Structures are given as structure tokens and as C-alpha cells.
């Protein structure tokens, strides 16, 4: 176990949208952070921006697939982690229906590899990035943690299966403590304007796609389904600001006994599942209208067929996390859209252009595969402590 004053946290997928914001939150609150990310759907430039936003360097960053068990073992031997925050996964509902085996391979494989490494190195505290999609089609709202799992697509099933894996390991390893956070629809950006959502290729989520329409990168937004049983016919989601989500992960670590302000405390062993959401539902068209208000620009859209695996409404009950932690979200949809637009307006090409750090492996044709360019194993050179792969 780490004997230094500041806890050392491994963040898998730390260059991604939620991961990068969580790294900022952890750095700002005194943690030391090590990132493992293969940059399959993120830019190494995000890590340089994490450091600039937080005003502190990462301890290290490794460009590596979490399924690389030998490499991951070397990372665990190099750093004595106090806890792990696990984001690294594929995350598109639509894509998971098209390539389900890839989703099971990546999402379940990464979880098995990580749990093996944690068990082997006696790192027994995990915050897991789960999903509200596990609940499936809601018959009654809001959704609370007691609702039976009813996933409707491979992505959701993979997240649920990861929770089951973690629970099984908790039963086999009594000191293992896991907080699985089922958050709803993270959107927005860091208010500083350097960090935001910059997916490769065609965005799979409504907010980044609509923002790219507003900034002129795309012609119009496709709204999947206009015939849902909702007031305007479009699906309803509980959008939550990504900074609130990041703060939730910091508090989750505190609840696992990992806090820079006090000695390492006891962890409540076993698996606990909690929602992170606002409890407020917003339809897709309501979100589009708010984006237009924030940006001052029209967002043309067309209604197209529903996506396979989508559901009508997903809205959280946030009561359990407030009871358990005294925690609640602090930002509304207007804040989410304003912050997302600030990032998009300042970074019309995402992480590609403004600071001269360009990830040469971007997906321009929307096929999910990087196009040419980037050398594997290269991280943003401005990231302090960054290396090209796991230590030898």
C-alpha cells in the first residue's frame, strides 16, 4: 500500500471525456494520478490539457490497452496504487448493436485484466464507470438502484456483466471494495474551456454532434426517433454535467477511504451500486433548443428512425447517493450547454488545432478506425512523466 502522503490513483481511460475531467478533479484535490489509455477514442493532447487545467502534472501516463495483462502488471509493479478508477471501455449503444463481439471483447476483457492485476498486487479499492443503460426500458420513473437490470443492447449488457464480475470477486476476496457508479448522460465541458468532448469520427452522442453542427463542422443533426411516447416525440434523458460526474468519482474515492486530507481509512468491503444523475428529464429537442440558446446559432436537424437498443426515458433517482454521501449535482442543462459551447467555440476542430498538438490518427470517414498518421505508443510530449508504454 502507498505510504506517501498523497494517494496514488490509477485512472484507466484517463484521456477520454469523463476520464480527463476526473483526472483534473483528482489532481486539484491533491491526489497523484497515473493514466493508462490506448487513445482508441481519445487524444493524447487531452492529457497535456488536464495538466494545464489542474496546474499540476500527472505522475505518469502510459499508452496501452488495459487488456495487455503483462504491460498492466508492469504498471502495477512500478506504482503502489491506493485505488483504481476504471473508465476504459467502448461506449456507443448504436455501435454495440453492430459489432457486439468487439464490445464484449474490449469491455469484459479490460475488466478481467484489471481485476486480475488488482488482486495480484493487493489493490482492493475500485470505482467502476457503470451505466444507467443497465436499467433498460423504464416502466416507472425515476429509476432507483433497486430496479432489476434489463439491458437492451450489448453495451449495456457488457456494463452489467462487469458489475457482476466485480461482485463475484468481492465475494471471493472479502477485503475488496467496489463502488459502481451508474451515471446517466454526461455532457458539458470544463468551464475553463480547455477540456471537453472530442470523439473520434462521427460522434455517437447528441451533445457533441449538435455542437459540431453549431460550430459548422457538420450540416445537421440526426435525431433518432420522433415517435416516442413523450411530449415532443423524442427520447428523454437525464443529462448530467461532466464536472459533476468527475466530482462524484472523487467523492467515491473518499467513501472508499482514499482522501489526501487524511490517512488511508478502512474501505466498506463489497460491491455498492449508486446512480449519478440530476433526477430531471430533458428531451432531445429540448436539449437542441438549449444548445441554440447557448451558442446563438441554429442547429438544423432531421428526425430519422430510432436506433436499435434505445429506450424512451432514462431519468435517475438521485436519492440514494444523497443519503449515503450528502452529495448532489450542482449544474443544470443551461450550464452544460454553455460550458460545452465554450469548449467547442474555442476548439472548433477539437483537440486537433488550437495548441498545435495533433493526434495523427483521427477517424475522418466515420468507420470507427483511425485514418493513417499517428505512431502507436506516443503520448503528448508536454505531459510530465509521460512515457510511450509500460516500463520494461
Protein backbone atom coordinates (compact mmCIF):
# COMPACT_ATOMS: atom_id res chain seq x y z
CA UNK A 1 0.00 0.00 0.00
CA UNK A 2 1.20 3.53 -0.75
CA UNK A 3 2.99 5.14 2.21
CA UNK A 4 3.31 8.61 0.65
CA UNK A 5 1.13 11.45 1.87
CA UNK A 6 -0.74 11.83 -1.41
CA UNK A 7 -2.72 8.79 -2.59
CA UNK A 8 -1.77 7.36 -5.97
CA UNK A 9 -4.77 6.64 -8.20
CA UNK A 10 -4.72 4.66 -11.45
CA UNK A 11 -7.24 6.07 -13.96
CA UNK A 12 -7.86 3.82 -16.95
CA UNK A 13 -9.22 5.68 -19.96
CA UNK A 14 -7.97 8.88 -18.35
CA UNK A 15 -7.65 10.77 -21.65
CA UNK A 16 -11.31 10.25 -22.51
CA UNK A 17 -14.18 12.66 -21.95
CA UNK A 18 -15.14 11.69 -18.39
CA UNK A 19 -11.70 10.34 -17.54
CA UNK A 20 -9.89 13.58 -18.35
CA UNK A 21 -12.29 15.66 -16.27
CA UNK A 22 -11.93 13.20 -13.39
CA UNK A 23 -8.13 13.44 -13.60
CA UNK A 24 -8.43 17.23 -13.21
CA UNK A 25 -10.70 16.82 -10.20
CA UNK A 26 -8.33 14.36 -8.54
CA UNK A 27 -5.23 16.46 -9.22
CA UNK A 28 -6.92 19.61 -7.94
CA UNK A 29 -7.79 17.84 -4.69
CA UNK A 30 -4.28 16.53 -4.00
CA UNK A 31 -4.21 13.03 -5.47
CA UNK A 32 -1.37 11.71 -7.59
CA UNK A 33 -2.69 10.30 -10.87
CA UNK A 34 -1.38 7.67 -13.28
CA UNK A 35 -3.22 7.27 -16.59
CA UNK A 36 -3.47 4.19 -18.81
CA UNK A 37 -5.21 4.85 -22.14
CA UNK A 38 -4.75 3.36 -25.61
CA UNK A 39 -6.19 6.51 -27.28
CA UNK A 40 -8.53 4.44 -29.45
CA UNK A 41 -11.20 7.09 -28.83
CA UNK A 42 -9.23 9.91 -27.22
CA UNK A 43 -6.39 12.27 -27.96
CA UNK A 44 -3.06 12.34 -26.11
CA UNK A 45 -3.42 16.14 -26.25
CA UNK A 46 -6.16 15.85 -23.62
CA UNK A 47 -3.55 14.84 -21.04
CA UNK A 48 -1.50 17.98 -21.61
CA UNK A 49 -4.71 19.97 -21.14
CA UNK A 50 -5.50 18.06 -17.96
CA UNK A 51 -2.19 19.21 -16.51
CA UNK A 52 -2.68 22.79 -17.68
CA UNK A 53 -6.21 22.95 -16.28
CA UNK A 54 -5.26 21.39 -12.94
CA UNK A 55 -1.97 23.28 -12.63
CA UNK A 56 -0.26 20.02 -11.63
CA UNK A 57 1.46 17.22 -13.56
CA UNK A 58 0.31 13.66 -13.87
CA UNK A 59 2.60 11.20 -12.12
CA UNK A 60 2.77 9.14 -15.35
CA UNK A 61 0.79 8.30 -18.47
CA UNK A 62 1.00 5.05 -20.42
CA UNK A 63 -0.35 4.47 -23.92
CA UNK A 64 -1.57 0.93 -23.50
CA UNK A 65 -4.61 -1.31 -23.85
CA UNK A 66 -5.84 -2.41 -20.43
CA UNK A 67 -6.19 -5.92 -21.87
CA UNK A 68 -2.38 -6.07 -22.14
CA UNK A 69 -2.01 -8.11 -18.96
CA UNK A 70 1.81 -8.18 -18.99
CA UNK A 71 2.04 -4.44 -19.55
CA UNK A 72 -0.58 -3.72 -16.91
CA UNK A 73 1.32 -5.92 -14.44
CA UNK A 74 4.45 -3.83 -15.05
CA UNK A 75 2.50 -0.63 -14.37
CA UNK A 76 1.24 -2.09 -11.09
CA UNK A 77 4.79 -3.12 -10.15
CA UNK A 78 6.05 0.40 -10.88
CA UNK A 79 3.42 2.27 -8.84
CA UNK A 80 1.90 1.32 -5.50
CA UNK A 81 -1.71 2.28 -6.16
CA UNK A 82 -4.16 3.10 -3.41
CA UNK A 83 -7.19 2.76 -5.70
CA UNK A 84 -8.28 2.46 -9.32
CA UNK A 85 -10.89 4.39 -11.29
CA UNK A 86 -11.86 2.34 -14.35
CA UNK A 87 -13.27 4.14 -17.40
CA UNK A 88 -11.56 2.34 -20.30
CA UNK A 89 -14.32 0.85 -22.48
CA UNK A 90 -16.22 1.15 -25.74
CA UNK A 91 -19.40 3.15 -25.14
CA UNK A 92 -21.73 3.54 -28.15
CA UNK A 93 -25.14 1.88 -27.95
CA UNK A 94 -25.59 2.00 -31.73
CA UNK A 95 -22.13 0.61 -32.47
CA UNK A 96 -22.52 -2.15 -29.89
CA UNK A 97 -25.54 -3.49 -31.77
CA UNK A 98 -23.48 -3.56 -34.98
CA UNK A 99 -20.30 -5.10 -33.52
CA UNK A 100 -21.36 -6.85 -30.30
CA UNK A 101 -18.37 -9.18 -30.06
CA UNK A 102 -15.98 -6.23 -30.10
CA UNK A 103 -17.86 -4.73 -27.16
CA UNK A 104 -17.70 -7.92 -25.14
CA UNK A 105 -14.06 -8.43 -26.07
CA UNK A 106 -12.97 -4.91 -25.09
CA UNK A 107 -15.24 -4.14 -22.15
CA UNK A 108 -15.21 -7.53 -20.46
CA UNK A 109 -11.59 -8.26 -21.39
CA UNK A 110 -10.40 -5.00 -19.87
CA UNK A 111 -12.34 -5.67 -16.68
CA UNK A 112 -10.90 -9.18 -16.29
CA UNK A 113 -7.37 -7.93 -16.93
CA UNK A 114 -7.75 -5.08 -14.45
CA UNK A 115 -9.31 -7.21 -11.71
CA UNK A 116 -6.53 -9.78 -12.10
CA UNK A 117 -3.87 -7.08 -11.72
CA UNK A 118 -5.61 -5.53 -8.72
CA UNK A 119 -5.94 -8.89 -6.99
CA UNK A 120 -2.35 -9.89 -7.74
CA UNK A 121 -1.00 -6.61 -6.37
CA UNK A 122 -3.45 -6.36 -3.45
CA UNK A 123 -5.05 -3.10 -4.63
CA UNK A 124 -8.51 -3.53 -3.16
CA UNK A 125 -10.44 -0.31 -3.93
CA UNK A 126 -12.17 0.27 -7.25
CA UNK A 127 -14.51 2.94 -8.61
CA UNK A 128 -16.15 1.48 -11.72
CA UNK A 129 -17.67 3.53 -14.53
CA UNK A 130 -21.02 1.82 -14.98
CA UNK A 131 -24.13 2.98 -16.83
CA UNK A 132 -27.81 3.78 -16.42
CA UNK A 133 -28.40 1.79 -19.62
CA UNK A 134 -28.36 -1.32 -17.42
CA UNK A 135 -31.92 -0.47 -16.35
CA UNK A 136 -33.33 -0.80 -19.88
CA UNK A 137 -36.82 0.43 -20.79
CA UNK A 138 -38.33 2.20 -17.80
CA UNK A 139 -41.88 1.33 -16.78
CA UNK A 140 -41.73 3.72 -13.84
CA UNK A 141 -39.58 6.79 -13.19
CA UNK A 142 -37.33 7.84 -11.63
CA UNK A 143 -35.03 4.83 -11.77
CA UNK A 144 -33.58 3.72 -8.46
CA UNK A 145 -30.82 1.25 -7.72
CA UNK A 146 -33.28 -1.44 -6.67
CA UNK A 147 -34.69 -1.68 -10.20
CA UNK A 148 -33.82 -5.06 -11.78
CA UNK A 149 -31.29 -4.98 -14.59
CA UNK A 150 -32.90 -5.22 -18.03
CA UNK A 151 -30.25 -4.12 -20.57
CA UNK A 152 -31.44 -3.81 -24.17
CA UNK A 153 -28.13 -3.68 -26.07
CA UNK A 154 -24.64 -5.22 -25.94
CA UNK A 155 -23.05 -2.09 -24.48
CA UNK A 156 -25.45 -2.11 -21.54
CA UNK A 157 -25.09 -5.86 -21.10
CA UNK A 158 -21.30 -5.53 -21.03
CA UNK A 159 -21.53 -2.95 -18.23
CA UNK A 160 -23.89 -5.13 -16.24
CA UNK A 161 -21.62 -8.15 -16.70
CA UNK A 162 -18.68 -6.08 -15.43
CA UNK A 163 -20.68 -5.28 -12.30
CA UNK A 164 -21.40 -9.00 -11.87
CA UNK A 165 -17.69 -9.78 -12.22
CA UNK A 166 -16.80 -7.21 -9.60
CA UNK A 167 -19.44 -8.61 -7.27
CA UNK A 168 -18.12 -12.13 -7.71
CA UNK A 169 -14.59 -11.01 -6.87
CA UNK A 170 -15.91 -9.19 -3.80
CA UNK A 171 -17.39 -12.46 -2.57
CA UNK A 172 -14.16 -14.35 -3.24
CA UNK A 173 -11.91 -11.59 -1.82
CA UNK A 174 -13.55 -10.24 1.34
CA UNK A 175 -11.45 -7.06 1.57
CA UNK A 176 -12.27 -5.95 -1.99
CA UNK A 177 -14.41 -2.77 -2.14
CA UNK A 178 -16.14 -1.57 -5.32
CA UNK A 179 -18.32 1.45 -5.99
CA UNK A 180 -20.10 1.06 -9.33
CA UNK A 181 -21.43 4.43 -10.43
CA UNK A 182 -24.35 4.20 -12.84
CA UNK A 183 -24.38 7.66 -14.28
CA UNK A 184 -26.88 8.87 -16.73
CA UNK A 185 -25.91 11.10 -19.71
CA UNK A 186 -22.71 13.08 -19.08
CA UNK A 187 -22.41 16.22 -21.22
CA UNK A 188 -20.87 19.68 -20.96
CA UNK A 189 -17.20 20.58 -20.57
CA UNK A 190 -14.79 22.02 -18.06
CA UNK A 191 -15.67 25.72 -17.60
CA UNK A 192 -12.04 26.66 -18.25
CA UNK A 193 -12.58 25.86 -21.94
CA UNK A 194 -9.55 23.60 -22.45
CA UNK A 195 -11.26 20.25 -21.83
CA UNK A 196 -14.39 18.94 -23.50
CA UNK A 197 -15.83 16.14 -25.57
CA UNK A 198 -13.88 15.42 -28.75
CA UNK A 199 -14.80 11.94 -30.03
CA UNK A 200 -13.06 10.42 -33.00
CA UNK A 201 -15.02 10.34 -36.24
CA UNK A 202 -18.77 10.79 -36.20
CA UNK A 203 -19.95 11.50 -32.61
CA UNK A 204 -22.19 8.81 -31.20
CA UNK A 205 -23.91 11.11 -28.69
CA UNK A 206 -26.29 14.01 -29.25
CA UNK A 207 -24.41 16.81 -27.47
CA UNK A 208 -21.04 16.62 -29.28
CA UNK A 209 -22.81 16.08 -32.62
CA UNK A 210 -25.08 19.08 -32.08
CA UNK A 211 -22.12 21.21 -31.01
CA UNK A 212 -20.27 20.28 -34.18
CA UNK A 213 -23.34 21.33 -36.17
CA UNK A 214 -23.45 24.65 -34.30
CA UNK A 215 -19.76 25.33 -34.96
CA UNK A 216 -20.10 24.44 -38.65
CA UNK A 217 -18.27 21.11 -38.77
CA UNK A 218 -21.44 19.18 -39.68
CA UNK A 219 -24.51 20.07 -41.71
CA UNK A 220 -27.32 18.82 -39.49
CA UNK A 221 -28.15 16.64 -36.51
CA UNK A 222 -29.92 13.30 -36.89
CA UNK A 223 -32.49 12.87 -34.13
CA UNK A 224 -33.12 9.16 -33.69
CA UNK A 225 -36.86 8.68 -33.27
CA UNK A 226 -39.68 11.22 -33.27
CA UNK A 227 -42.49 8.86 -32.28
CA UNK A 228 -41.66 8.08 -28.66
CA UNK A 229 -44.41 8.43 -26.05
CA UNK A 230 -43.04 11.77 -24.84
CA UNK A 231 -44.42 15.31 -25.17
CA UNK A 232 -42.39 16.14 -28.30
CA UNK A 233 -41.89 12.57 -29.55
CA UNK A 234 -38.13 12.44 -28.86
CA UNK A 235 -36.35 10.37 -26.25
CA UNK A 236 -35.91 11.78 -22.74
CA UNK A 237 -32.63 11.56 -20.86
CA UNK A 238 -31.20 12.72 -17.55
CA UNK A 239 -28.27 14.87 -18.68
CA UNK A 240 -25.59 15.43 -16.03
CA UNK A 241 -22.67 17.83 -16.21
CA UNK A 242 -19.37 16.03 -16.72
CA UNK A 243 -17.76 18.08 -13.93
CA UNK A 244 -20.44 16.82 -11.54
CA UNK A 245 -19.69 13.28 -12.70
CA UNK A 246 -15.97 13.86 -12.12
CA UNK A 247 -16.68 15.20 -8.64
CA UNK A 248 -18.77 12.11 -7.96
CA UNK A 249 -15.74 9.91 -8.65
CA UNK A 250 -13.59 11.96 -6.27
CA UNK A 251 -16.20 11.60 -3.54
CA UNK A 252 -16.49 7.87 -4.30
CA UNK A 253 -12.76 7.51 -3.56
CA UNK A 254 -13.28 9.39 -0.32
CA UNK A 255 -16.07 6.99 0.59
CA UNK A 256 -13.62 4.13 -0.07
CA UNK A 257 -11.26 5.66 2.49
CA UNK A 258 -8.92 7.34 -0.02
CA UNK A 259 -8.59 11.04 0.78
CA UNK A 260 -5.45 13.21 0.52
CA UNK A 261 -6.51 15.12 3.65
CA UNK A 262 -6.38 12.13 5.98
CA UNK A 263 -4.62 8.77 6.39
CA UNK A 264 -5.87 5.87 4.34
CA UNK A 265 -9.04 4.70 6.01
CA UNK A 266 -10.99 1.45 6.04
CA UNK A 267 -12.94 0.58 2.90
CA UNK A 268 -16.53 -0.69 3.08
CA UNK A 269 -15.91 -4.10 1.53
CA UNK A 270 -18.21 -5.48 -1.14
CA UNK A 271 -20.00 -4.07 -4.18
CA UNK A 272 -22.16 -0.99 -3.88
CA UNK A 273 -24.13 0.44 -6.83
CA UNK A 274 -25.18 4.10 -6.93
CA UNK A 275 -26.79 6.35 -9.53
CA UNK A 276 -25.28 9.68 -10.51
CA UNK A 277 -27.94 11.87 -12.08
CA UNK A 278 -29.95 15.04 -11.64
CA UNK A 279 -33.42 13.50 -11.48
CA UNK A 280 -34.54 15.85 -14.26
CA UNK A 281 -35.52 14.56 -17.71
CA UNK A 282 -34.80 16.56 -20.87
CA UNK A 283 -35.91 15.52 -24.35
CA UNK A 284 -33.54 15.58 -27.31
CA UNK A 285 -35.38 18.52 -28.87
CA UNK A 286 -35.37 20.41 -25.57
CA UNK A 287 -31.61 19.91 -25.45
CA UNK A 288 -31.25 21.16 -29.04
CA UNK A 289 -33.21 24.31 -28.14
CA UNK A 290 -30.92 24.91 -25.15
CA UNK A 291 -27.84 24.44 -27.34
CA UNK A 292 -29.22 27.03 -29.76
CA UNK A 293 -29.71 29.47 -26.86
CA UNK A 294 -26.19 28.88 -25.55
CA UNK A 295 -24.49 29.18 -28.93
CA UNK A 296 -26.71 31.80 -30.55
CA UNK A 297 -26.73 29.59 -33.63
CA UNK A 298 -29.30 27.40 -35.31
CA UNK A 299 -28.86 23.63 -35.08
CA UNK A 300 -30.64 22.13 -38.12
CA UNK A 301 -31.91 18.61 -37.51
CA UNK A 302 -33.94 15.85 -39.10
CA UNK A 303 -35.94 13.10 -37.46
CA UNK A 304 -34.71 9.66 -38.53
CA UNK A 305 -35.52 6.10 -37.47
CA UNK A 306 -34.93 5.01 -33.92
CA UNK A 307 -31.62 3.40 -33.02
CA UNK A 308 -31.77 -0.30 -32.18
CA UNK A 309 -31.41 -0.78 -28.44
CA UNK A 310 -32.58 2.72 -27.47
CA UNK A 311 -35.27 3.28 -24.85
CA UNK A 312 -37.88 6.01 -24.32
CA UNK A 313 -36.88 7.50 -20.97
CA UNK A 314 -33.93 7.25 -18.60
CA UNK A 315 -34.18 9.52 -15.57
CA UNK A 316 -32.37 8.91 -12.30
CA UNK A 317 -33.47 8.76 -8.75
CA UNK A 318 -30.58 10.54 -7.06
CA UNK A 319 -31.89 9.92 -3.55
CA UNK A 320 -29.56 7.07 -2.60
CA UNK A 321 -26.29 8.89 -3.27
CA UNK A 322 -27.55 11.97 -1.40
CA UNK A 323 -28.47 9.83 1.59
CA UNK A 324 -25.18 7.94 1.51
CA UNK A 325 -22.75 10.79 0.79
CA UNK A 326 -24.68 14.02 1.23
CA UNK A 327 -23.82 14.64 -2.43
CA UNK A 328 -25.88 16.11 -5.25
CA UNK A 329 -25.28 17.69 -8.65
CA UNK A 330 -24.83 21.46 -8.82
CA UNK A 331 -25.20 22.31 -12.53
CA UNK A 332 -28.25 22.38 -14.82
CA UNK A 333 -28.77 21.86 -18.56
CA UNK A 334 -28.14 25.55 -19.28
CA UNK A 335 -24.73 25.24 -17.59
CA UNK A 336 -23.99 22.06 -19.53
CA UNK A 337 -24.73 23.68 -22.88
CA UNK A 338 -22.92 26.92 -22.06
CA UNK A 339 -19.75 25.09 -21.00
CA UNK A 340 -19.88 22.69 -23.95
CA UNK A 341 -20.26 25.61 -26.35
CA UNK A 342 -17.36 27.48 -24.73
CA UNK A 343 -15.11 24.49 -25.42
CA UNK A 344 -16.45 23.92 -28.94
CA UNK A 345 -16.21 27.59 -29.94
CA UNK A 346 -12.62 27.83 -28.68
CA UNK A 347 -11.73 24.46 -30.21
CA UNK A 348 -13.73 24.13 -33.45
CA UNK A 349 -11.55 21.20 -34.53
CA UNK A 350 -11.49 19.66 -31.08
CA UNK A 351 -8.04 18.85 -29.74
CA UNK A 352 -6.57 18.91 -33.23
CA UNK A 353 -5.67 22.53 -33.77
CA UNK A 354 -5.53 25.20 -31.07
CA UNK A 355 -2.33 24.29 -29.22
CA UNK A 356 -0.53 22.62 -32.10
CA UNK A 357 -0.82 19.10 -30.68
CA UNK A 358 -2.46 16.98 -33.33
CA UNK A 359 -3.19 13.30 -32.87
CA UNK A 360 -2.39 11.92 -36.32
CA UNK A 361 -4.80 9.01 -36.01
CA UNK A 362 -8.22 10.61 -36.37
CA UNK A 363 -11.17 8.91 -37.97
CA UNK A 364 -12.35 11.11 -40.82
CA UNK A 365 -14.63 8.68 -42.61
CA UNK A 366 -16.71 7.61 -39.63
CA UNK A 367 -15.85 3.93 -39.87
CA UNK A 368 -14.59 3.76 -36.30
CA UNK A 369 -10.98 3.19 -37.36
CA UNK A 370 -8.19 5.77 -37.22
CA UNK A 371 -7.05 7.14 -40.55
CA UNK A 372 -3.31 6.90 -41.18
CA UNK A 373 -0.91 9.05 -39.23
CA UNK A 374 -0.10 8.62 -35.59
CA UNK A 375 2.69 6.44 -34.32
CA UNK A 376 1.50 3.90 -31.75
CA UNK A 377 2.93 4.39 -28.29
CA UNK A 378 3.35 8.16 -28.48
CA UNK A 379 1.83 10.36 -25.79
CA UNK A 380 1.58 14.13 -25.82
CA UNK A 381 5.16 15.31 -25.30
CA UNK A 382 4.12 18.11 -22.94
CA UNK A 383 2.75 15.67 -20.37
CA UNK A 384 5.18 15.47 -17.48
CA UNK A 385 6.18 11.92 -16.68
CA UNK A 386 4.51 10.55 -19.80
CA UNK A 387 6.12 7.55 -21.41
CA UNK A 388 5.43 5.65 -24.59
CA UNK A 389 4.44 2.39 -22.97
CA UNK A 390 4.67 0.34 -19.81
CA UNK A 391 8.03 0.31 -18.04
CA UNK A 392 10.35 -2.51 -19.00
